Amino acid sequence: MKSFFNKHLTLILGFVGLFLVSTGVSMAAFTYLIKDPGSSSGTETKRSRIDLSKPKTEICPINGAKFTKAERDIWDTRRPTAVVIENHKDARPQSGLSKADIVYEAVAEGGITRFLGIFYCAGVAEEVKMAPIRSARVYFVNLAAGYGSFPIFLHQGAANRLCGDCPGGIKSTSQVAKEVDAYGLLDKLGWRNGQRGNDMDGGYNIGVPIVIRDQYRLSSEPAAWEHSVVASLDAVYNEAKKRGFEFKDSDGVAWNEDFKVWQFSDDKPQTPTASEISFRFWDNWADYDVIWSYDQGTNRYVRKNGGVVHVDQAFEKTPLVAKNVVILFAKEKGPVDSEHHMYYEVVGKGDALVFQNGQIIKATWEKDSATSREVFFDEEGAEISFIRGPIWIEVVPVGNDINY
């Protein structure tokens, strides 16, 4: 299905160019903390700062899940945060994914997938550390842009054309194609704006305490440097407040004025006709194959990645689950340049499969523009109603087999 090529992309020259051309900010201003092996955090026990025994009466606008009034009082001061989290097998288990309201997954490069977590409602009751943060791709920016006006976008660098020693400071289109230039798209959307934009980039405009380096997150043996960036969701929101991106921006515009809220329904578990969903993104990359197993008792799907139950390291190794699993078939193009970037078309329309209540719905998806949210429709053209709770959207190349 796909050919093998080197998964390691070098962005160092791009960052140097970014500093010299775009910001003029010294790298020394953004110091990272490196933990001593003796202070390995391992699995953490979390304590809620909210009384979660209160009635769950408040509906999350992102995925329809119900929360307490105290939780809503917090999220009503904020706007969604979209976070790019890597999925290299050496970086598992990740931290924080169980607290995302929605998770997107797509290939970043060479058959290796990456996540875009949307954090808004589920992450307010406890301190959430998210890791490992990695670089953005154009299609992740396009998906994040559907979450209202100027959502917070957190990542560690991005595919870009900046270059410290290239003519004009820009890489050729043969080296980095314009269509995959994530920094270019962020500029077009007006998100970057140095240290004043809604874009938070560990590569150049944020530092401690928002992001740190922790090579001992998983064990006493240090992880590779690229797998070590940890972000604090609380610190992200504190920085967003300083920049004027709370529920309303500095001009008084609420983030959700043009936000498309999906339709939601309560649980209706049924005798499953699709009890196990399995698929791969690329051939010969079994470490990234996915299985979702349906549990009728809880009416949810439990995720396996590379044949192993996928867990959240930061929350007592909680298994990652979803109330809805969506297969969004996207046109794949690439590698489109000499740096082996891939491109997935997530603006437009296409086919989809929606799994919920143990059943399958053959569907289509439509996303009119980067700043609109994708909407899913059944075979009769009616908008699909999602079961309240976590939603995982798997961006799979058109033509791939989905087994269920």
Foldseek 3Di string as FASTA:
>chain_A
DDDFDDFDFDCVQVLVLCCVPPPVDDPVVFAFDEDALVPAPWAAAWDFPDDFVDDFDDADLAFGATGDPVLVVVLLFAFKEKFKAFDDVLLPPWAQQQQFQEKEWDCFFRQGIIIIGIHGRSCRGTKGKTFDFAADWQVSLLQVLQRFQQHQYEGAHYQAQAGDPDVVRGHDCQAPNPVTHNVVVCVVSVACPALQGSYHYSSHRDHPPQKHFYQSNHHSDGDPRNGGIMGIPVVSRVSCVVSQHTCARPVRHGRCPPRDGAAADAADADDAPPQKKWFGQDPPPLQATKIWGADSVVFKTFIDGSNHFRFHRHHNRHGRIAQKEKEAAWAKDDPSHPSTGIDTDPAAKAWMWMDHSNYIFTWMWHHPGSNHHIFIAGPVRHTDHGYRGHYYYYHHYPPTDMDD
